[in-house]
N, C-alpha and C. Protein backbone atom coordinates (compact mmCIF):
# COMPACT_ATOMS: atom_id res chain seq x y z
N HIS A 1 -117.63 -182.32 -26.33
CA HIS A 1 -117.19 -183.18 -24.87
C HIS A 1 -117.00 -184.44 -25.27
N ILE A 2 -116.15 -185.20 -24.84
CA ILE A 2 -115.69 -186.50 -25.02
C ILE A 2 -115.82 -187.50 -23.93
N ASP A 3 -116.66 -188.20 -23.66
CA ASP A 3 -116.49 -189.28 -22.55
C ASP A 3 -115.95 -190.52 -22.58
N PRO A 4 -114.80 -190.99 -22.50
CA PRO A 4 -114.11 -192.03 -22.56
C PRO A 4 -114.97 -193.26 -21.89
N VAL A 5 -115.12 -194.55 -22.43
CA VAL A 5 -115.98 -195.63 -22.01
C VAL A 5 -115.18 -196.68 -21.58
N VAL A 6 -113.96 -197.23 -22.50
CA VAL A 6 -113.25 -197.96 -22.25
C VAL A 6 -111.59 -197.67 -22.11
N SER A 7 -110.98 -198.06 -21.42
CA SER A 7 -109.44 -197.53 -21.45
C SER A 7 -108.72 -198.90 -21.57
N GLY A 8 -107.54 -199.28 -21.91
CA GLY A 8 -106.63 -200.31 -21.74
C GLY A 8 -106.59 -200.85 -23.17
N LEU A 9 -107.04 -200.03 -24.20
CA LEU A 9 -106.90 -200.57 -25.59
C LEU A 9 -105.83 -200.22 -26.26
N GLU A 10 -105.07 -200.99 -27.36
CA GLU A 10 -103.98 -200.22 -28.07
C GLU A 10 -104.46 -200.02 -29.66
N HIS A 11 -104.52 -199.02 -29.95
CA HIS A 11 -104.98 -198.74 -31.40
C HIS A 11 -106.24 -199.42 -31.68
N PRO A 12 -107.36 -199.32 -31.07
CA PRO A 12 -108.34 -199.71 -31.38
C PRO A 12 -108.76 -199.51 -33.03
N TRP A 13 -109.71 -200.57 -33.74
CA TRP A 13 -109.76 -200.02 -35.12
C TRP A 13 -111.27 -200.21 -35.14
N GLY A 14 -111.95 -201.53 -35.28
CA GLY A 14 -113.19 -201.88 -35.25
C GLY A 14 -114.39 -202.21 -34.51
N MET A 15 -115.64 -202.30 -34.47
CA MET A 15 -115.98 -202.82 -33.28
C MET A 15 -117.45 -203.35 -33.79
N ALA A 16 -118.04 -204.45 -33.13
CA ALA A 16 -119.29 -205.04 -33.64
C ALA A 16 -119.87 -205.53 -32.45
N PHE A 17 -121.10 -205.24 -32.63
CA PHE A 17 -121.98 -205.37 -31.14
C PHE A 17 -122.51 -206.61 -31.23
N LEU A 18 -122.72 -207.62 -30.35
CA LEU A 18 -122.89 -209.05 -30.13
C LEU A 18 -124.55 -208.61 -29.83
N PRO A 19 -125.27 -209.70 -30.03
CA PRO A 19 -126.68 -209.77 -29.61
C PRO A 19 -127.02 -209.22 -28.27
N ASP A 20 -125.86 -209.68 -27.31
CA ASP A 20 -126.31 -209.87 -25.60
C ASP A 20 -125.59 -208.55 -25.00
N GLY A 21 -125.17 -207.69 -25.95
CA GLY A 21 -124.48 -206.12 -25.64
C GLY A 21 -123.29 -206.24 -25.71
N ARG A 22 -122.26 -207.20 -25.37
CA ARG A 22 -121.11 -207.19 -25.56
C ARG A 22 -120.66 -206.53 -26.81
N VAL A 23 -119.42 -206.36 -26.48
CA VAL A 23 -118.89 -205.63 -27.75
C VAL A 23 -117.58 -206.17 -28.38
N LEU A 24 -117.24 -206.59 -29.33
CA LEU A 24 -115.77 -207.21 -30.07
C LEU A 24 -115.15 -206.05 -30.58
N VAL A 25 -114.07 -205.94 -30.06
CA VAL A 25 -113.24 -204.44 -30.52
C VAL A 25 -111.93 -204.91 -31.11
N SER A 26 -111.24 -204.81 -32.59
CA SER A 26 -110.18 -205.35 -33.22
C SER A 26 -109.36 -204.26 -32.81
N GLU A 27 -107.93 -204.69 -32.19
CA GLU A 27 -107.03 -203.76 -32.07
C GLU A 27 -106.27 -203.99 -33.28
N ARG A 28 -105.27 -202.82 -33.76
CA ARG A 28 -104.49 -203.12 -35.22
C ARG A 28 -103.25 -203.81 -34.69
N VAL A 29 -102.94 -204.25 -33.61
CA VAL A 29 -101.79 -204.58 -33.42
C VAL A 29 -101.79 -206.32 -33.35
N GLY A 30 -102.96 -206.74 -33.48
CA GLY A 30 -103.44 -208.18 -33.54
C GLY A 30 -104.19 -208.71 -32.77
N ARG A 31 -104.87 -208.18 -32.11
CA ARG A 31 -105.97 -208.57 -30.82
C ARG A 31 -107.18 -208.46 -30.90
N LEU A 32 -108.30 -209.41 -31.03
CA LEU A 32 -109.68 -209.32 -30.83
C LEU A 32 -109.83 -209.01 -29.37
N ARG A 33 -110.66 -207.86 -28.87
CA ARG A 33 -111.08 -207.75 -27.64
C ARG A 33 -112.54 -207.62 -27.12
N LEU A 34 -112.87 -208.28 -26.07
CA LEU A 34 -114.20 -208.43 -25.79
C LEU A 34 -114.69 -207.50 -24.43
N ILE A 35 -115.63 -206.71 -24.93
CA ILE A 35 -116.11 -205.50 -23.63
C ILE A 35 -117.14 -206.02 -23.23
N GLY A 36 -117.46 -206.47 -22.05
CA GLY A 36 -118.78 -206.92 -21.43
C GLY A 36 -119.67 -205.83 -20.74
N PRO A 37 -120.42 -206.39 -19.92
CA PRO A 37 -121.43 -205.43 -19.61
C PRO A 37 -120.62 -204.57 -18.66
N GLY A 38 -121.25 -203.34 -18.43
CA GLY A 38 -120.76 -202.02 -17.90
C GLY A 38 -119.56 -201.57 -18.18
N TRP A 39 -119.22 -201.84 -19.41
CA TRP A 39 -117.97 -201.24 -20.47
C TRP A 39 -116.90 -201.97 -20.10
N ARG A 40 -116.91 -203.05 -19.49
CA ARG A 40 -115.59 -203.52 -18.57
C ARG A 40 -114.83 -204.51 -19.91
N LEU A 41 -113.82 -204.22 -19.86
CA LEU A 41 -112.62 -204.71 -20.86
C LEU A 41 -112.41 -206.11 -20.33
N ARG A 42 -112.33 -207.34 -20.89
CA ARG A 42 -111.97 -208.38 -20.56
C ARG A 42 -110.45 -208.47 -20.99
N ALA A 43 -109.66 -208.84 -19.52
CA ALA A 43 -108.30 -209.00 -19.54
C ALA A 43 -107.81 -209.52 -20.38
N GLU A 44 -107.88 -210.66 -20.75
CA GLU A 44 -107.38 -211.81 -21.94
C GLU A 44 -108.21 -211.41 -23.57
N PRO A 45 -107.15 -211.03 -24.25
CA PRO A 45 -107.95 -211.40 -25.87
C PRO A 45 -108.71 -212.47 -26.06
N VAL A 46 -109.38 -212.60 -27.31
CA VAL A 46 -110.20 -213.72 -27.80
C VAL A 46 -109.03 -214.53 -28.37
N ALA A 47 -109.27 -215.69 -28.01
CA ALA A 47 -108.06 -216.72 -28.53
C ALA A 47 -108.65 -217.17 -29.78
N GLY A 48 -107.63 -217.84 -30.91
CA GLY A 48 -108.06 -218.63 -31.78
C GLY A 48 -107.99 -217.71 -33.00
N LEU A 49 -107.46 -216.76 -33.12
CA LEU A 49 -107.10 -216.03 -34.57
C LEU A 49 -106.04 -216.21 -35.40
N PRO A 50 -106.24 -216.15 -36.45
CA PRO A 50 -104.75 -216.71 -37.11
C PRO A 50 -103.31 -215.55 -37.14
N GLU A 51 -102.36 -215.81 -37.51
CA GLU A 51 -101.36 -215.18 -37.56
C GLU A 51 -101.57 -213.63 -38.22
N ILE A 52 -101.35 -212.79 -37.58
CA ILE A 52 -101.37 -211.30 -38.22
C ILE A 52 -100.37 -210.60 -38.47
N ASN A 53 -99.96 -209.92 -39.29
CA ASN A 53 -98.88 -209.07 -39.52
C ASN A 53 -99.39 -207.46 -39.04
N PRO A 54 -98.66 -207.32 -37.99
CA PRO A 54 -99.11 -205.49 -37.60
C PRO A 54 -98.39 -204.70 -38.40
N GLY A 55 -97.15 -204.87 -38.80
CA GLY A 55 -96.62 -203.99 -39.46
C GLY A 55 -97.29 -203.22 -40.78
N GLY A 56 -96.57 -202.06 -40.77
CA GLY A 56 -96.66 -201.07 -41.82
C GLY A 56 -98.20 -200.87 -41.58
N GLN A 57 -99.02 -200.74 -42.73
CA GLN A 57 -100.24 -200.66 -42.51
C GLN A 57 -101.32 -201.84 -42.42
N GLY A 58 -100.48 -202.69 -41.88
CA GLY A 58 -101.29 -204.10 -41.84
C GLY A 58 -101.81 -204.01 -40.50
N GLY A 59 -102.43 -205.48 -39.92
CA GLY A 59 -102.68 -205.59 -38.55
C GLY A 59 -104.01 -206.28 -38.78
N LEU A 60 -104.83 -206.10 -37.54
CA LEU A 60 -106.30 -206.53 -37.42
C LEU A 60 -107.05 -205.15 -37.43
N LEU A 61 -108.11 -205.44 -38.75
CA LEU A 61 -108.54 -204.34 -38.78
C LEU A 61 -110.24 -204.35 -38.51
N ASP A 62 -110.83 -204.63 -39.18
CA ASP A 62 -112.32 -204.76 -39.09
C ASP A 62 -113.16 -205.72 -38.44
N VAL A 63 -113.91 -205.72 -37.73
CA VAL A 63 -114.53 -207.04 -37.39
C VAL A 63 -116.05 -206.74 -37.63
N ALA A 64 -117.02 -208.06 -37.87
CA ALA A 64 -118.09 -208.17 -38.13
C ALA A 64 -118.88 -209.38 -37.64
N VAL A 65 -120.10 -209.27 -37.35
CA VAL A 65 -120.87 -210.95 -36.76
C VAL A 65 -121.94 -211.00 -37.55
N HIS A 66 -121.95 -212.26 -37.58
CA HIS A 66 -123.15 -212.63 -38.85
C HIS A 66 -124.39 -211.91 -38.90
N PRO A 67 -125.13 -211.41 -39.59
CA PRO A 67 -126.51 -210.96 -39.41
C PRO A 67 -127.32 -211.59 -38.70
N ARG A 68 -127.39 -213.39 -38.26
CA ARG A 68 -128.09 -213.89 -37.67
C ARG A 68 -127.41 -214.54 -36.76
N PHE A 69 -126.76 -213.99 -36.11
CA PHE A 69 -125.58 -214.58 -35.25
C PHE A 69 -126.08 -215.56 -33.87
N ASP A 70 -127.21 -215.47 -33.80
CA ASP A 70 -127.86 -216.28 -32.93
C ASP A 70 -127.79 -217.76 -33.58
N GLU A 71 -127.95 -217.92 -34.80
CA GLU A 71 -128.38 -219.04 -35.52
C GLU A 71 -126.77 -219.36 -36.18
N GLN A 72 -125.89 -218.43 -36.35
CA GLN A 72 -124.78 -218.61 -37.11
C GLN A 72 -123.66 -217.85 -36.37
N PRO A 73 -123.48 -218.38 -35.20
CA PRO A 73 -122.27 -217.42 -34.40
C PRO A 73 -121.07 -217.32 -34.98
N TRP A 74 -121.17 -216.37 -36.35
CA TRP A 74 -119.61 -216.71 -36.95
C TRP A 74 -119.29 -214.86 -36.60
N VAL A 75 -118.16 -214.82 -36.52
CA VAL A 75 -117.27 -213.58 -36.37
C VAL A 75 -116.52 -213.38 -37.70
N TYR A 76 -116.49 -212.51 -38.39
CA TYR A 76 -115.42 -212.15 -39.71
C TYR A 76 -114.57 -210.98 -39.06
N ILE A 77 -113.43 -211.13 -39.67
CA ILE A 77 -112.26 -210.37 -39.26
C ILE A 77 -111.60 -209.91 -40.70
N ALA A 78 -111.08 -208.72 -40.98
CA ALA A 78 -110.16 -208.45 -42.05
C ALA A 78 -108.90 -207.99 -41.43
N TYR A 79 -107.78 -208.64 -42.06
CA TYR A 79 -106.52 -208.62 -41.79
C TYR A 79 -105.62 -208.88 -42.35
N VAL A 80 -104.19 -208.49 -42.26
CA VAL A 80 -103.05 -208.76 -42.97
C VAL A 80 -102.59 -209.81 -42.29
N ALA A 81 -102.21 -210.63 -43.20
CA ALA A 81 -101.85 -212.25 -42.97
C ALA A 81 -100.14 -212.31 -42.85
N GLY A 82 -99.71 -213.41 -41.90
CA GLY A 82 -98.39 -213.57 -41.80
C GLY A 82 -97.28 -212.31 -42.15
N ALA A 83 -95.97 -212.79 -42.19
CA ALA A 83 -95.17 -212.09 -42.49
C ALA A 83 -95.13 -211.35 -43.90
N ASN A 84 -94.60 -210.21 -44.41
CA ASN A 84 -94.39 -209.70 -45.47
C ASN A 84 -93.34 -210.04 -46.11
N THR A 85 -93.49 -211.14 -46.98
CA THR A 85 -92.13 -211.88 -47.10
C THR A 85 -91.53 -211.20 -48.65
N ALA A 86 -92.33 -210.58 -49.30
CA ALA A 86 -92.23 -209.61 -50.50
C ALA A 86 -90.69 -208.50 -50.14
N LEU A 87 -91.11 -207.83 -48.71
CA LEU A 87 -90.40 -206.94 -48.36
C LEU A 87 -89.28 -207.63 -47.72
N GLU A 88 -89.44 -209.09 -47.00
CA GLU A 88 -87.87 -209.25 -46.47
C GLU A 88 -87.13 -209.83 -47.71
N GLN A 89 -87.64 -210.20 -48.70
CA GLN A 89 -86.87 -210.88 -50.16
C GLN A 89 -85.77 -209.90 -50.57
N THR A 90 -86.62 -208.33 -50.58
CA THR A 90 -85.95 -207.28 -51.16
C THR A 90 -85.24 -206.25 -50.53
N ALA A 91 -84.95 -206.59 -49.32
CA ALA A 91 -84.38 -205.81 -47.97
C ALA A 91 -83.27 -206.01 -48.01
């Protein structure tokens, strides 16, 4: 039995739980989303991410928060950067 808790995500990939109970979710298409209390998806994606290439096997992949996020509010992301220039040159 599966009970969805959030809708409106496009190819969700990674999740990281913040100390205050909110959840960061990466979408492979290149967006980082924030889920708040009551599992409500914030309408606007998190701003300030680098250029992400969602093509092929790329995109925004995993997300993690610093182990002492309260002291060091850092969020780490794994992603494929920019355009794939090697493929563009050989195509």
